[in-house]
Amino acid sequence: HPAYDYINYHVGGEMRKPKIKKLKLSTEKKRAWTNFSKYIRLRDAIKTTGIKIISECYTCGKQYPINGIGCLQAGHFIPGRGNSELIDEVGVHAQCYNCNVNLRGNWVEFERHLLKDYGQKEVDRLKANKGKVVQRKAIEWNEIAKEYAIKYTKLLEE
């Protein structure tokens, strides 16, 4: 059966019955990605610069803001949008537009950094999952979105 989210709402100061809203797969996946991406960029900013608004690109080391125009992106070591790679904290790091788009992920540098930070076993795991398709339902994407919204907020408050 489809996933639903129950939304309580007020009308004219009084509480109405919950409105049932069907979760849409594409909407929930996009929301999960948005929250995950924000978390990754903030995580990397804290790790690389110690401040919450500027981070180093994982592959070239140049500094950029994590939000707004010209900001860093959440770049993937394994290209593509297969769901196994999309939300993976090891395989996704803050990258500048040049490395992520123009240099197609700058994967040689990306791999070098991954080996240093996580070791061969994790790099092998990421490579083994390349192209693996993971089917998720809207409710699962909804849970991922919530999880990363919480993780992001916790990092902001630290």
C-alpha atoms as a PDB file:
ATOM      1  CA  HIS A   1       0.000   0.000   0.000  1.00  0.00           C
ATOM      2  CA  PRO A   2       1.239   3.543  -0.695  1.00  0.00           C
ATOM      3  CA  ALA A   3       3.035   5.603   1.901  1.00  0.00           C
ATOM      4  CA  TYR A   4       1.237   8.502   3.478  1.00  0.00           C
ATOM      5  CA  ASP A   5       2.217  11.414   5.635  1.00  0.00           C
ATOM      6  CA  TYR A   6      -0.323  12.823   8.062  1.00  0.00           C
ATOM      7  CA  ILE A   7      -0.375  16.585   8.206  1.00  0.00           C
ATOM      8  CA  ASN A   8      -2.259  18.438  10.921  1.00  0.00           C
ATOM      9  CA  TYR A   9      -3.296  21.927  10.015  1.00  0.00           C
ATOM     10  CA  HIS A  10      -5.063  24.889  11.528  1.00  0.00           C
ATOM     11  CA  VAL A  11      -7.890  26.804   9.901  1.00  0.00           C
ATOM     12  CA  GLY A  12      -9.141  30.000  11.509  1.00  0.00           C
ATOM     13  CA  GLY A  13      -7.463  29.142  14.799  1.00  0.00           C
ATOM     14  CA  GLU A  14      -9.049  25.700  15.169  1.00  0.00           C
ATOM     15  CA  MET A  15      -7.411  22.343  14.597  1.00  0.00           C
ATOM     16  CA  ARG A  16      -8.871  20.373  11.703  1.00  0.00           C
ATOM     17  CA  LYS A  17      -8.710  16.662  11.040  1.00  0.00           C
ATOM     18  CA  PRO A  18      -5.361  15.438   9.742  1.00  0.00           C
ATOM     19  CA  LYS A  19      -5.012  15.770   6.030  1.00  0.00           C
ATOM     20  CA  ILE A  20      -3.656  12.641   4.379  1.00  0.00           C
ATOM     21  CA  LYS A  21      -0.996  13.320   1.795  1.00  0.00           C
ATOM     22  CA  LYS A  22       0.419  10.534  -0.353  1.00  0.00           C
ATOM     23  CA  LEU A  23       4.214  10.561  -0.472  1.00  0.00           C
ATOM     24  CA  LYS A  24       5.549  10.890  -3.986  1.00  0.00           C
ATOM     25  CA  LEU A  25       8.716   8.895  -4.781  1.00  0.00           C
ATOM     26  CA  SER A  26      10.448  11.611  -6.822  1.00  0.00           C
ATOM     27  CA  THR A  27       9.663  14.310  -4.259  1.00  0.00           C
ATOM     28  CA  GLU A  28      10.938  12.253  -1.327  1.00  0.00           C
ATOM     29  CA  LYS A  29      14.083  11.186  -3.191  1.00  0.00           C
ATOM     30  CA  LYS A  30      14.838  14.816  -4.060  1.00  0.00           C
ATOM     31  CA  ARG A  31      14.249  15.879  -0.442  1.00  0.00           C
ATOM     32  CA  ALA A  32      16.528  13.087   0.812  1.00  0.00           C
ATOM     33  CA  TRP A  33      19.259  14.145  -1.620  1.00  0.00           C
ATOM     34  CA  THR A  34      18.916  17.825  -0.663  1.00  0.00           C
ATOM     35  CA  ASN A  35      19.221  17.071   3.053  1.00  0.00           C
ATOM     36  CA  PHE A  36      22.082  14.615   2.510  1.00  0.00           C
ATOM     37  CA  SER A  37      23.958  17.106   0.313  1.00  0.00           C
ATOM     38  CA  LYS A  38      23.603  19.880   2.910  1.00  0.00           C
ATOM     39  CA  TYR A  39      24.858  17.509   5.611  1.00  0.00           C
ATOM     40  CA  ILE A  40      27.886  16.394   3.536  1.00  0.00           C
ATOM     41  CA  ARG A  41      28.934  19.983   2.770  1.00  0.00           C
ATOM     42  CA  LEU A  42      28.572  21.049   6.404  1.00  0.00           C
ATOM     43  CA  ARG A  43      30.396  17.924   7.649  1.00  0.00           C
ATOM     44  CA  ASP A  44      33.297  18.592   5.297  1.00  0.00           C
ATOM     45  CA  ALA A  45      33.383  22.316   6.178  1.00  0.00           C
ATOM     46  CA  ILE A  46      33.787  21.505   9.861  1.00  0.00           C
ATOM     47  CA  LYS A  47      36.408  18.852   9.078  1.00  0.00           C
ATOM     48  CA  THR A  48      38.505  20.924   6.662  1.00  0.00           C
ATOM     49  CA  THR A  49      38.235  24.528   7.891  1.00  0.00           C
ATOM     50  CA  GLY A  50      36.699  24.266  11.339  1.00  0.00           C
ATOM     51  CA  ILE A  51      33.990  26.754  10.392  1.00  0.00           C
ATOM     52  CA  LYS A  52      30.479  26.076   9.180  1.00  0.00           C
ATOM     53  CA  ILE A  53      30.289  28.241   6.078  1.00  0.00           C
ATOM     54  CA  ILE A  54      33.451  27.462   4.080  1.00  0.00           C
ATOM     55  CA  SER A  55      34.939  24.118   3.101  1.00  0.00           C
ATOM     56  CA  GLU A  56      37.808  22.803   1.059  1.00  0.00           C
ATOM     57  CA  CYS A  57      37.085  20.871  -2.109  1.00  0.00           C
ATOM     58  CA  TYR A  58      37.865  17.227  -1.327  1.00  0.00           C
ATOM     59  CA  THR A  59      39.869  16.788  -4.524  1.00  0.00           C
ATOM     60  CA  CYS A  60      41.663  20.093  -5.225  1.00  0.00           C
ATOM     61  CA  GLY A  61      41.755  21.668  -1.761  1.00  0.00           C
ATOM     62  CA  LYS A  62      40.516  25.111  -2.825  1.00  0.00           C
ATOM     63  CA  GLN A  63      38.110  26.808  -0.435  1.00  0.00           C
ATOM     64  CA  TYR A  64      34.536  27.732  -1.332  1.00  0.00           C
ATOM     65  CA  PRO A  65      31.325  28.553   0.527  1.00  0.00           C
ATOM     66  CA  ILE A  66      29.083  25.573   1.260  1.00  0.00           C
ATOM     67  CA  ASN A  67      25.869  27.447   0.337  1.00  0.00           C
ATOM     68  CA  GLY A  68      24.805  30.011  -2.234  1.00  0.00           C
ATOM     69  CA  ILE A  69      26.202  31.009  -5.618  1.00  0.00           C
ATOM     70  CA  GLY A  70      29.492  29.323  -6.474  1.00  0.00           C
ATOM     71  CA  CYS A  71      29.197  26.943  -3.542  1.00  0.00           C
ATOM     72  CA  LEU A  72      30.570  23.449  -3.243  1.00  0.00           C
ATOM     73  CA  GLN A  73      28.565  20.468  -4.404  1.00  0.00           C
ATOM     74  CA  ALA A  74      28.243  17.004  -2.899  1.00  0.00           C
ATOM     75  CA  GLY A  75      30.339  15.032  -5.385  1.00  0.00           C
ATOM     76  CA  HIS A  76      30.380  11.263  -5.852  1.00  0.00           C
ATOM     77  CA  PHE A  77      33.445   9.038  -6.181  1.00  0.00           C
ATOM     78  CA  ILE A  78      31.394   6.563  -8.222  1.00  0.00           C
ATOM     79  CA  PRO A  79      29.606   8.415 -11.031  1.00  0.00           C
ATOM     80  CA  GLY A  80      25.956   7.888 -11.810  1.00  0.00           C
ATOM     81  CA  ARG A  81      22.816   8.130  -9.809  1.00  0.00           C
ATOM     82  CA  GLY A  82      22.302   4.488  -8.863  1.00  0.00           C
ATOM     83  CA  ASN A  83      20.677   4.522  -5.465  1.00  0.00           C
ATOM     84  CA  SER A  84      23.520   2.538  -3.886  1.00  0.00           C
ATOM     85  CA  GLU A  85      25.935   5.415  -4.566  1.00  0.00           C
ATOM     86  CA  LEU A  86      23.579   8.328  -4.084  1.00  0.00           C
ATOM     87  CA  ILE A  87      23.480   8.320  -0.280  1.00  0.00           C
ATOM     88  CA  ASP A  88      26.868   7.050   0.915  1.00  0.00           C
ATOM     89  CA  GLU A  89      28.782   9.157   3.434  1.00  0.00           C
ATOM     90  CA  VAL A  90      32.130   7.609   2.463  1.00  0.00           C
ATOM     91  CA  GLY A  91      31.685   7.981  -1.288  1.00  0.00           C
ATOM     92  CA  VAL A  92      30.322  11.538  -1.272  1.00  0.00           C
ATOM     93  CA  HIS A  93      32.340  14.624  -0.337  1.00  0.00           C
ATOM     94  CA  ALA A  94      32.251  18.372  -0.915  1.00  0.00           C
ATOM     95  CA  GLN A  95      33.639  19.211  -4.351  1.00  0.00           C
ATOM     96  CA  CYS A  96      33.932  22.397  -6.341  1.00  0.00           C
ATOM     97  CA  TYR A  97      32.108  22.720  -9.658  1.00  0.00           C
ATOM     98  CA  ASN A  98      35.347  22.375 -11.595  1.00  0.00           C
ATOM     99  CA  CYS A  99      36.303  19.052 -10.001  1.00  0.00           C
ATOM    100  CA  ASN A 100      32.784  17.641  -9.851  1.00  0.00           C
ATOM    101  CA  VAL A 101      31.525  18.680 -13.292  1.00  0.00           C
ATOM    102  CA  ASN A 102      34.374  19.830 -15.549  1.00  0.00           C
ATOM    103  CA  LEU A 103      36.817  17.152 -14.347  1.00  0.00           C
ATOM    104  CA  ARG A 104      34.011  14.573 -14.017  1.00  0.00           C
ATOM    105  CA  GLY A 105      34.595  14.018 -10.333  1.00  0.00           C
ATOM    106  CA  ASN A 106      38.389  14.305 -10.491  1.00  0.00           C
ATOM    107  CA  TRP A 107      38.314  10.630  -9.553  1.00  0.00           C
ATOM    108  CA  VAL A 108      42.098  10.078  -9.423  1.00  0.00           C
ATOM    109  CA  GLU A 109      42.415  12.656  -6.634  1.00  0.00           C
ATOM    110  CA  PHE A 110      39.142  11.503  -5.098  1.00  0.00           C
ATOM    111  CA  GLU A 111      40.450   7.936  -4.848  1.00  0.00           C
ATOM    112  CA  ARG A 112      43.779   9.115  -3.435  1.00  0.00           C
ATOM    113  CA  HIS A 113      41.967  10.984  -0.662  1.00  0.00           C
ATOM    114  CA  LEU A 114      39.582   8.084   0.017  1.00  0.00           C
ATOM    115  CA  LEU A 115      42.489   5.675   0.401  1.00  0.00           C
ATOM    116  CA  LYS A 116      44.144   8.030   2.876  1.00  0.00           C
ATOM    117  CA  ASP A 117      40.949   8.731   4.826  1.00  0.00           C
ATOM    118  CA  TYR A 118      39.174   5.349   4.773  1.00  0.00           C
ATOM    119  CA  GLY A 119      41.563   2.692   3.435  1.00  0.00           C
ATOM    120  CA  GLN A 120      41.546   0.177   0.588  1.00  0.00           C
ATOM    121  CA  LYS A 121      38.648  -1.880   1.982  1.00  0.00           C
ATOM    122  CA  GLU A 122      36.206   1.045   1.756  1.00  0.00           C
ATOM    123  CA  VAL A 123      37.418   2.021  -1.727  1.00  0.00           C
ATOM    124  CA  ASP A 124      36.915  -1.595  -2.838  1.00  0.00           C
ATOM    125  CA  ARG A 125      33.400  -1.581  -1.325  1.00  0.00           C
ATOM    126  CA  LEU A 126      32.487   1.575  -3.233  1.00  0.00           C
ATOM    127  CA  LYS A 127      33.828   0.151  -6.495  1.00  0.00           C
ATOM    128  CA  ALA A 128      31.995  -3.159  -5.940  1.00  0.00           C
ATOM    129  CA  ASN A 129      28.699  -1.281  -5.563  1.00  0.00           C
ATOM    130  CA  LYS A 130      29.150   0.602  -8.860  1.00  0.00           C
ATOM    131  CA  GLY A 131      26.010   0.264 -10.932  1.00  0.00           C
ATOM    132  CA  LYS A 132      24.169  -1.638  -8.201  1.00  0.00           C
ATOM    133  CA  VAL A 133      20.533  -0.635  -8.202  1.00  0.00           C
ATOM    134  CA  VAL A 134      18.771  -0.300  -4.868  1.00  0.00           C
ATOM    135  CA  GLN A 135      15.013   0.111  -5.079  1.00  0.00           C
ATOM    136  CA  ARG A 136      13.637   2.353  -2.343  1.00  0.00           C
ATOM    137  CA  LYS A 137      10.049   3.294  -1.689  1.00  0.00           C
ATOM    138  CA  ALA A 138       8.841   6.832  -1.025  1.00  0.00           C
ATOM    139  CA  ILE A 139       8.561   6.130   2.703  1.00  0.00           C
ATOM    140  CA  GLU A 140      12.216   4.979   2.775  1.00  0.00           C
ATOM    141  CA  TRP A 141      13.357   8.170   1.045  1.00  0.00           C
ATOM    142  CA  ASN A 142      11.205  10.094   3.513  1.00  0.00           C
ATOM    143  CA  GLU A 143      13.033   8.420   6.435  1.00  0.00           C
ATOM    144  CA  ILE A 144      16.432   9.180   4.854  1.00  0.00           C
ATOM    145  CA  ALA A 145      15.391  12.817   4.405  1.00  0.00           C
ATOM    146  CA  LYS A 146      14.402  13.035   8.067  1.00  0.00           C
ATOM    147  CA  GLU A 147      17.613  11.315   9.208  1.00  0.00           C
ATOM    148  CA  TYR A 148      19.853  13.779   7.367  1.00  0.00           C
ATOM    149  CA  ALA A 149      17.793  16.797   8.428  1.00  0.00           C
ATOM    150  CA  ILE A 150      18.442  15.740  12.035  1.00  0.00           C
ATOM    151  CA  LYS A 151      22.148  15.066  11.416  1.00  0.00           C
ATOM    152  CA  TYR A 152      22.523  18.460   9.710  1.00  0.00           C
ATOM    153  CA  THR A 153      20.797  20.282  12.580  1.00  0.00           C
ATOM    154  CA  LYS A 154      22.970  18.506  15.158  1.00  0.00           C
ATOM    155  CA  LEU A 155      26.147  19.553  13.322  1.00  0.00           C
ATOM    156  CA  LEU A 156      24.914  23.148  13.112  1.00  0.00           C
ATOM    157  CA  GLU A 157      24.254  23.217  16.850  1.00  0.00           C
ATOM    158  CA  GLU A 158      27.654  21.781  17.880  1.00  0.00           C
END
